[in-house]
Amino acid sequence: MTAPLAVNALETATVLVSFALAPLALLLAWGLASFRVRRGVPSGTAWRRSVAEVGMVAGTLPWLFLVLTPRGGSGGVQPVPFADLIDLASADPRTIVEQLVGNLLLFFLAGVFVPLRFRVGLLAVFLGGALGAALVETAQFAFGTGRVASIDDVLLNAIGALLGALASRRWWRGSPSRVAPTAESTVLRSAGRDWRVTSFEVSRGTDRAARC
């Protein structure tokens, strides 16, 4: 079923405005990173956290605005898994693309940036996307938007978040905060000098002290 022309115009305007505001989002990320650097956070970590925080919010809000915008329709609830997807298979190509791409994009950028900011894995991203999608579907029904709250939308939204996390996996898996130290060491600062003492040397010193 082809979406009403007004909704298509709203979607186009939302995408254009989002791109137009992208420099503002970058400026906000720069401001957050600069603030963190002044507070003593390493530059790389400050930029990573700031870009991830701004990206996950700015990349999700426009799509939330779209899916919560009222549209002509009686609304309803579809709790049967895969029922909407089966019906969608017989729809026209434009509707298929709009429904699939739109639902996958809702939490895609959140999936990209959340693992860059927090120590979470793929399962946590998928479950978080499913929870967020369930809240969105509940809001659609509660606010009388005329949209159908569907379990299939929840599934597609969660898959979109998972795809986003997979797309950025090579970066968040190599994050310094996720890489375990290669050697156990303790840095002792004394008289302005750094002394690196391995755990083996510490244990030897403890044993010698016990024998004295």
Foldseek 3Di string as FASTA:
>chain_A
DDFDPVLVVLLVVLVVVLVVCVVVLVVQLVVQLVVVVVVPDDSVLSSLQSNLVSQQVSQAVSLLVSLQAADDAQAEEAEDPCPVVVVLVPDDPVVVCCLLVSLLSNRQSVLQRVLSNDVDDLVVQLVVQLVVLLVSLVSSVVVVRNHYSYSHSSNSSSVSSSVSNVVNVVPSCPDPVNDDDPFAWDWDADPNDTDTDGPVNVVVVVVVVVVD
